[in-house]
Amino acid sequence: MGNMSYCRFENTSKDLMDCERAINDGETEDLSEYEINGLRLLLEYSKRIVDMESYIRKRIYINEKNLED
């Protein structure tokens, strides 16, 4: 089951932080076929998200403004 929508970004950001730590700590040795595929997908999706940076920043700004109202 996927993340609940109300905590999707919070949970995923924590998991992504854990992945970054594992990569930095050299935990990419002896990966299984599933983990190799997961790392490949992580890289692909990360590139897509970076390409959406302007849109994401705008959405963050709008949502923060809405919280102030």
N, C-alpha and C. Protein backbone atom coordinates (compact mmCIF):
# COMPACT_ATOMS: atom_id res chain seq x y z
N MET A 1 0.85 -1.17 0.00
CA MET A 1 0.00 0.00 0.00
C MET A 1 0.89 1.24 0.00
N GLY A 2 0.51 2.25 -0.76
CA GLY A 2 1.28 3.48 -0.84
C GLY A 2 1.09 4.34 0.40
N ASN A 3 1.84 5.42 0.45
CA ASN A 3 1.72 6.35 1.56
C ASN A 3 0.35 7.02 1.55
N MET A 4 -0.16 7.32 2.73
CA MET A 4 -1.39 8.08 2.83
C MET A 4 -1.09 9.48 2.31
N SER A 5 -2.04 10.08 1.61
CA SER A 5 -1.77 11.37 0.97
C SER A 5 -1.38 12.46 1.96
N TYR A 6 -1.89 12.41 3.19
CA TYR A 6 -1.57 13.48 4.14
C TYR A 6 -0.13 13.42 4.66
N CYS A 7 0.56 12.32 4.47
CA CYS A 7 1.94 12.24 4.94
C CYS A 7 2.89 11.73 3.86
N ARG A 8 2.45 11.71 2.63
CA ARG A 8 3.24 11.19 1.52
C ARG A 8 4.60 11.85 1.42
N PHE A 9 4.62 13.18 1.38
CA PHE A 9 5.87 13.89 1.16
C PHE A 9 6.77 13.82 2.40
N GLU A 10 6.16 13.86 3.58
CA GLU A 10 6.95 13.76 4.81
C GLU A 10 7.64 12.40 4.89
N ASN A 11 6.88 11.33 4.69
CA ASN A 11 7.47 9.99 4.77
C ASN A 11 8.50 9.75 3.68
N THR A 12 8.18 10.17 2.47
CA THR A 12 9.09 9.94 1.36
C THR A 12 10.38 10.73 1.53
N SER A 13 10.29 11.95 2.04
CA SER A 13 11.51 12.74 2.24
C SER A 13 12.42 12.08 3.27
N LYS A 14 11.84 11.48 4.31
CA LYS A 14 12.65 10.77 5.30
C LYS A 14 13.31 9.54 4.68
N ASP A 15 12.57 8.82 3.84
CA ASP A 15 13.15 7.65 3.16
C ASP A 15 14.25 8.07 2.20
N LEU A 16 14.04 9.19 1.51
CA LEU A 16 15.04 9.68 0.58
C LEU A 16 16.31 10.10 1.32
N MET A 17 16.14 10.71 2.49
CA MET A 17 17.29 11.07 3.32
C MET A 17 18.07 9.82 3.72
N ASP A 18 17.36 8.75 4.05
CA ASP A 18 18.01 7.50 4.41
C ASP A 18 18.78 6.92 3.22
N CYS A 19 18.19 7.02 2.02
CA CYS A 19 18.88 6.55 0.82
C CYS A 19 20.14 7.36 0.55
N GLU A 20 20.04 8.68 0.73
CA GLU A 20 21.22 9.53 0.53
C GLU A 20 22.34 9.14 1.49
N ARG A 21 21.98 8.91 2.75
CA ARG A 21 22.96 8.50 3.75
C ARG A 21 23.62 7.18 3.35
N ALA A 22 22.80 6.22 2.91
CA ALA A 22 23.33 4.91 2.52
C ALA A 22 24.29 5.04 1.33
N ILE A 23 23.95 5.86 0.37
CA ILE A 23 24.82 6.06 -0.79
C ILE A 23 26.13 6.71 -0.34
N ASN A 24 26.03 7.75 0.49
CA ASN A 24 27.23 8.43 0.99
C ASN A 24 28.10 7.53 1.83
N ASP A 25 27.49 6.59 2.54
CA ASP A 25 28.24 5.66 3.39
C ASP A 25 28.76 4.44 2.62
N GLY A 26 28.58 4.44 1.31
CA GLY A 26 29.11 3.36 0.49
C GLY A 26 28.29 2.07 0.56
N GLU A 27 27.04 2.17 0.92
CA GLU A 27 26.20 0.98 1.04
C GLU A 27 25.58 0.56 -0.30
N THR A 28 26.35 0.76 -1.35
CA THR A 28 25.87 0.36 -2.68
C THR A 28 26.66 -0.82 -3.22
N GLU A 29 27.39 -1.48 -2.36
CA GLU A 29 28.14 -2.68 -2.74
C GLU A 29 27.21 -3.88 -2.65
N ASP A 30 27.39 -4.82 -3.51
CA ASP A 30 26.65 -6.09 -3.45
C ASP A 30 25.13 -5.92 -3.41
N LEU A 31 24.61 -5.07 -4.28
CA LEU A 31 23.16 -4.87 -4.33
C LEU A 31 22.50 -6.03 -5.05
N SER A 32 21.30 -6.36 -4.63
CA SER A 32 20.52 -7.37 -5.33
C SER A 32 19.97 -6.77 -6.62
N GLU A 33 19.44 -7.60 -7.46
CA GLU A 33 18.83 -7.13 -8.71
C GLU A 33 17.71 -6.13 -8.42
N TYR A 34 16.93 -6.40 -7.37
CA TYR A 34 15.83 -5.50 -6.99
C TYR A 34 16.36 -4.14 -6.53
N GLU A 35 17.45 -4.18 -5.75
CA GLU A 35 18.02 -2.94 -5.25
C GLU A 35 18.69 -2.14 -6.37
N ILE A 36 19.32 -2.82 -7.31
CA ILE A 36 19.91 -2.13 -8.47
C ILE A 36 18.81 -1.41 -9.24
N ASN A 37 17.71 -2.10 -9.48
CA ASN A 37 16.59 -1.50 -10.19
C ASN A 37 16.01 -0.33 -9.39
N GLY A 38 15.90 -0.50 -8.07
CA GLY A 38 15.39 0.57 -7.23
C GLY A 38 16.29 1.80 -7.26
N LEU A 39 17.59 1.58 -7.23
CA LEU A 39 18.53 2.70 -7.29
C LEU A 39 18.45 3.39 -8.65
N ARG A 40 18.31 2.62 -9.70
CA ARG A 40 18.15 3.18 -11.04
C ARG A 40 16.89 4.05 -11.12
N LEU A 41 15.79 3.54 -10.58
CA LEU A 41 14.54 4.30 -10.59
C LEU A 41 14.64 5.54 -9.71
N LEU A 42 15.31 5.41 -8.58
CA LEU A 42 15.50 6.55 -7.69
C LEU A 42 16.22 7.68 -8.43
N LEU A 43 17.24 7.34 -9.17
CA LEU A 43 17.98 8.34 -9.95
C LEU A 43 17.08 8.97 -11.01
N GLU A 44 16.33 8.15 -11.72
CA GLU A 44 15.44 8.66 -12.78
C GLU A 44 14.38 9.60 -12.21
N TYR A 45 13.73 9.20 -11.13
CA TYR A 45 12.68 10.04 -10.54
C TYR A 45 13.27 11.30 -9.91
N SER A 46 14.46 11.18 -9.35
CA SER A 46 15.12 12.36 -8.77
C SER A 46 15.39 13.40 -9.84
N LYS A 47 15.84 12.97 -11.00
CA LYS A 47 16.08 13.90 -12.11
C LYS A 47 14.79 14.58 -12.53
N ARG A 48 13.71 13.83 -12.60
CA ARG A 48 12.41 14.40 -12.98
C ARG A 48 11.96 15.44 -11.97
N ILE A 49 12.14 15.14 -10.69
CA ILE A 49 11.74 16.07 -9.64
C ILE A 49 12.57 17.34 -9.70
N VAL A 50 13.88 17.21 -9.91
CA VAL A 50 14.73 18.39 -10.04
C VAL A 50 14.27 19.24 -11.22
N ASP A 51 13.86 18.62 -12.30
CA ASP A 51 13.36 19.36 -13.47
C ASP A 51 12.08 20.12 -13.15
N MET A 52 11.37 19.73 -12.10
CA MET A 52 10.13 20.39 -11.71
C MET A 52 10.35 21.39 -10.57
N GLU A 53 11.60 21.75 -10.31
CA GLU A 53 11.92 22.59 -9.15
C GLU A 53 11.12 23.89 -9.12
N SER A 54 11.03 24.58 -10.22
CA SER A 54 10.31 25.86 -10.26
C SER A 54 8.84 25.67 -9.87
N TYR A 55 8.21 24.67 -10.44
CA TYR A 55 6.81 24.38 -10.12
C TYR A 55 6.66 24.01 -8.64
N ILE A 56 7.54 23.18 -8.13
CA ILE A 56 7.47 22.74 -6.74
C ILE A 56 7.64 23.93 -5.79
N ARG A 57 8.61 24.78 -6.08
CA ARG A 57 8.82 25.96 -5.23
C ARG A 57 7.57 26.85 -5.22
N LYS A 58 6.94 27.00 -6.37
CA LYS A 58 5.72 27.80 -6.46
C LYS A 58 4.61 27.18 -5.61
N ARG A 59 4.45 25.86 -5.69
CA ARG A 59 3.42 25.16 -4.90
C ARG A 59 3.70 25.29 -3.42
N ILE A 60 4.96 25.21 -3.01
CA ILE A 60 5.32 25.38 -1.60
C ILE A 60 4.93 26.78 -1.14
N TYR A 61 5.27 27.78 -1.93
CA TYR A 61 4.96 29.16 -1.60
C TYR A 61 3.45 29.36 -1.46
N ILE A 62 2.70 28.88 -2.42
CA ILE A 62 1.24 29.03 -2.39
C ILE A 62 0.64 28.33 -1.17
N ASN A 63 1.10 27.13 -0.89
CA ASN A 63 0.58 26.39 0.26
C ASN A 63 0.95 27.08 1.58
N GLU A 64 2.15 27.61 1.67
CA GLU A 64 2.54 28.33 2.89
C GLU A 64 1.68 29.57 3.07
N LYS A 65 1.41 30.27 1.98
CA LYS A 65 0.54 31.45 2.04
C LYS A 65 -0.85 31.06 2.51
N ASN A 66 -1.37 29.95 2.01
CA ASN A 66 -2.70 29.48 2.41
C ASN A 66 -2.75 29.14 3.89
N LEU A 67 -1.65 28.65 4.44
CA LEU A 67 -1.61 28.35 5.88
C LEU A 67 -1.66 29.61 6.72
N GLU A 68 -1.12 30.69 6.18
CA GLU A 68 -1.12 31.97 6.90
C GLU A 68 -2.50 32.60 6.97
N ASP A 69 -3.32 32.32 5.97
CA ASP A 69 -4.66 32.92 5.90
C ASP A 69 -5.63 32.34 6.89
